Amino acid sequence: MPAYVIFDIHVDDPDAYAPYRGPAGAAVEAHGGRYLARGGATEVLEGEWDVDRLVVLEFPSMEQARAWYRSPEYQEVAPIRQAASRGRAVIVEGAA
């Protein structure tokens, strides 16, 4: 069953954030994931939501999503994102 990793990110320092993008993308691909959305245009339909950069990743399973997030390749670059931005992330299991 697929799993989706969703990041709701507010980039505070775009220059410091830039070096994160390439290695993060390579780590996603190396773990069987792909980008479904990556900072495109958004429109809030309900409620209050201050959307800056929304990223949606798809992985074949929850296990592969967790393995990607915990991988040495991703954990090496995650501090770059964390230092240059603030936000939230979640993994959600897809529907069968």
C-alpha atoms as a PDB file:
ATOM      1  CA  MET A   1       0.000   0.000   0.000  1.00  0.00           C
ATOM      2  CA  PRO A   2       1.483   3.407  -0.903  1.00  0.00           C
ATOM      3  CA  ALA A   3       2.486   5.969   1.692  1.00  0.00           C
ATOM      4  CA  TYR A   4       2.781   9.720   1.388  1.00  0.00           C
ATOM      5  CA  VAL A   5       5.186  12.043   3.150  1.00  0.00           C
ATOM      6  CA  ILE A   6       3.842  15.582   3.411  1.00  0.00           C
ATOM      7  CA  PHE A   7       6.004  18.551   4.360  1.00  0.00           C
ATOM      8  CA  ASP A   8       4.493  21.944   5.194  1.00  0.00           C
ATOM      9  CA  ILE A   9       7.565  24.177   5.119  1.00  0.00           C
ATOM     10  CA  HIS A  10       8.228  27.886   5.585  1.00  0.00           C
ATOM     11  CA  VAL A  11      11.636  28.696   4.130  1.00  0.00           C
ATOM     12  CA  ASP A  12      13.347  31.437   6.144  1.00  0.00           C
ATOM     13  CA  ASP A  13      16.660  31.470   4.247  1.00  0.00           C
ATOM     14  CA  PRO A  14      16.349  30.424   0.581  1.00  0.00           C
ATOM     15  CA  ASP A  15      20.110  30.610  -0.025  1.00  0.00           C
ATOM     16  CA  ALA A  16      20.848  28.292   2.900  1.00  0.00           C
ATOM     17  CA  TYR A  17      17.986  25.974   1.842  1.00  0.00           C
ATOM     18  CA  ALA A  18      19.198  25.582  -1.772  1.00  0.00           C
ATOM     19  CA  PRO A  19      21.960  22.971  -1.100  1.00  0.00           C
ATOM     20  CA  TYR A  20      19.341  20.676   0.472  1.00  0.00           C
ATOM     21  CA  ARG A  21      17.282  20.188  -2.695  1.00  0.00           C
ATOM     22  CA  GLY A  22      19.620  18.063  -4.835  1.00  0.00           C
ATOM     23  CA  PRO A  23      20.762  15.553  -2.212  1.00  0.00           C
ATOM     24  CA  ALA A  24      17.264  15.294  -0.727  1.00  0.00           C
ATOM     25  CA  GLY A  25      15.820  14.482  -4.148  1.00  0.00           C
ATOM     26  CA  ALA A  26      18.506  11.885  -4.795  1.00  0.00           C
ATOM     27  CA  ALA A  27      17.742  10.228  -1.446  1.00  0.00           C
ATOM     28  CA  VAL A  28      14.016  10.131  -2.263  1.00  0.00           C
ATOM     29  CA  GLU A  29      14.697   8.410  -5.598  1.00  0.00           C
ATOM     30  CA  ALA A  30      17.221   5.996  -4.052  1.00  0.00           C
ATOM     31  CA  HIS A  31      14.519   4.781  -1.653  1.00  0.00           C
ATOM     32  CA  GLY A  32      11.833   4.250  -4.286  1.00  0.00           C
ATOM     33  CA  GLY A  33      10.016   7.536  -3.760  1.00  0.00           C
ATOM     34  CA  ARG A  34       8.882  10.256  -6.100  1.00  0.00           C
ATOM     35  CA  TYR A  35       7.699  13.838  -5.829  1.00  0.00           C
ATOM     36  CA  LEU A  36       4.000  14.429  -6.453  1.00  0.00           C
ATOM     37  CA  ALA A  37       4.084  18.111  -5.470  1.00  0.00           C
ATOM     38  CA  ARG A  38       7.077  20.300  -4.791  1.00  0.00           C
ATOM     39  CA  GLY A  39       6.330  23.893  -3.847  1.00  0.00           C
ATOM     40  CA  GLY A  40       3.807  24.645  -6.603  1.00  0.00           C
ATOM     41  CA  ALA A  41       0.848  27.005  -6.470  1.00  0.00           C
ATOM     42  CA  THR A  42      -1.627  26.374  -3.640  1.00  0.00           C
ATOM     43  CA  GLU A  43      -5.143  27.480  -2.781  1.00  0.00           C
ATOM     44  CA  VAL A  44      -6.604  27.072   0.702  1.00  0.00           C
ATOM     45  CA  LEU A  45     -10.127  25.692   0.400  1.00  0.00           C
ATOM     46  CA  GLU A  46     -11.124  25.546   4.071  1.00  0.00           C
ATOM     47  CA  GLY A  47      -9.855  26.846   7.362  1.00  0.00           C
ATOM     48  CA  GLU A  48      -6.789  28.893   8.201  1.00  0.00           C
ATOM     49  CA  TRP A  49      -3.598  27.638   6.598  1.00  0.00           C
ATOM     50  CA  ASP A  50      -0.511  29.716   5.971  1.00  0.00           C
ATOM     51  CA  VAL A  51       0.934  27.699   3.073  1.00  0.00           C
ATOM     52  CA  ASP A  52       4.422  28.602   1.889  1.00  0.00           C
ATOM     53  CA  ARG A  53       5.990  25.430   0.464  1.00  0.00           C
ATOM     54  CA  LEU A  54       4.055  22.177   0.412  1.00  0.00           C
ATOM     55  CA  VAL A  55       5.887  19.003  -0.648  1.00  0.00           C
ATOM     56  CA  VAL A  56       4.197  15.631  -1.207  1.00  0.00           C
ATOM     57  CA  LEU A  57       6.266  12.475  -1.704  1.00  0.00           C
ATOM     58  CA  GLU A  58       4.951   9.042  -2.634  1.00  0.00           C
ATOM     59  CA  PHE A  59       6.615   5.796  -1.553  1.00  0.00           C
ATOM     60  CA  PRO A  60       5.515   2.211  -2.246  1.00  0.00           C
ATOM     61  CA  SER A  61       4.948   1.569   1.488  1.00  0.00           C
ATOM     62  CA  MET A  62       5.135   3.057   4.979  1.00  0.00           C
ATOM     63  CA  GLU A  63       8.272   0.991   5.556  1.00  0.00           C
ATOM     64  CA  GLN A  64      10.028   2.530   2.544  1.00  0.00           C
ATOM     65  CA  ALA A  65       8.949   6.033   3.569  1.00  0.00           C
ATOM     66  CA  ARG A  66      10.357   5.476   7.057  1.00  0.00           C
ATOM     67  CA  ALA A  67      13.530   3.929   5.640  1.00  0.00           C
ATOM     68  CA  TRP A  68      14.050   6.999   3.431  1.00  0.00           C
ATOM     69  CA  TYR A  69      13.497   9.450   6.295  1.00  0.00           C
ATOM     70  CA  ARG A  70      15.809   7.555   8.642  1.00  0.00           C
ATOM     71  CA  SER A  71      18.457   6.819   5.991  1.00  0.00           C
ATOM     72  CA  PRO A  72      21.990   8.164   6.427  1.00  0.00           C
ATOM     73  CA  GLU A  73      21.684   9.918   3.033  1.00  0.00           C
ATOM     74  CA  TYR A  74      18.631  11.899   4.104  1.00  0.00           C
ATOM     75  CA  GLN A  75      19.671  12.454   7.717  1.00  0.00           C
ATOM     76  CA  GLU A  76      22.916  13.969   6.442  1.00  0.00           C
ATOM     77  CA  VAL A  77      21.028  16.763   4.626  1.00  0.00           C
ATOM     78  CA  ALA A  78      17.936  17.137   6.847  1.00  0.00           C
ATOM     79  CA  PRO A  79      19.790  19.575   9.169  1.00  0.00           C
ATOM     80  CA  ILE A  80      20.230  21.929   6.201  1.00  0.00           C
ATOM     81  CA  ARG A  81      16.441  22.087   5.752  1.00  0.00           C
ATOM     82  CA  GLN A  82      15.854  22.345   9.472  1.00  0.00           C
ATOM     83  CA  ALA A  83      18.302  25.252   9.854  1.00  0.00           C
ATOM     84  CA  ALA A  84      16.947  27.196   6.860  1.00  0.00           C
ATOM     85  CA  SER A  85      13.241  26.585   7.388  1.00  0.00           C
ATOM     86  CA  ARG A  86      10.584  25.643   9.865  1.00  0.00           C
ATOM     87  CA  GLY A  87       7.675  23.332   9.348  1.00  0.00           C
ATOM     88  CA  ARG A  88       5.968  20.035   9.913  1.00  0.00           C
ATOM     89  CA  ALA A  89       6.118  16.614   8.301  1.00  0.00           C
ATOM     90  CA  VAL A  90       3.885  13.563   8.405  1.00  0.00           C
ATOM     91  CA  ILE A  91       3.697  10.115   6.822  1.00  0.00           C
ATOM     92  CA  VAL A  92       0.210   8.904   5.904  1.00  0.00           C
ATOM     93  CA  GLU A  93      -0.749   5.513   4.581  1.00  0.00           C
ATOM     94  CA  GLY A  94      -2.561   5.571   1.260  1.00  0.00           C
ATOM     95  CA  ALA A  95      -5.895   3.968   0.509  1.00  0.00           C
ATOM     96  CA  ALA A  96      -5.942   0.455  -0.923  1.00  0.00           C
END
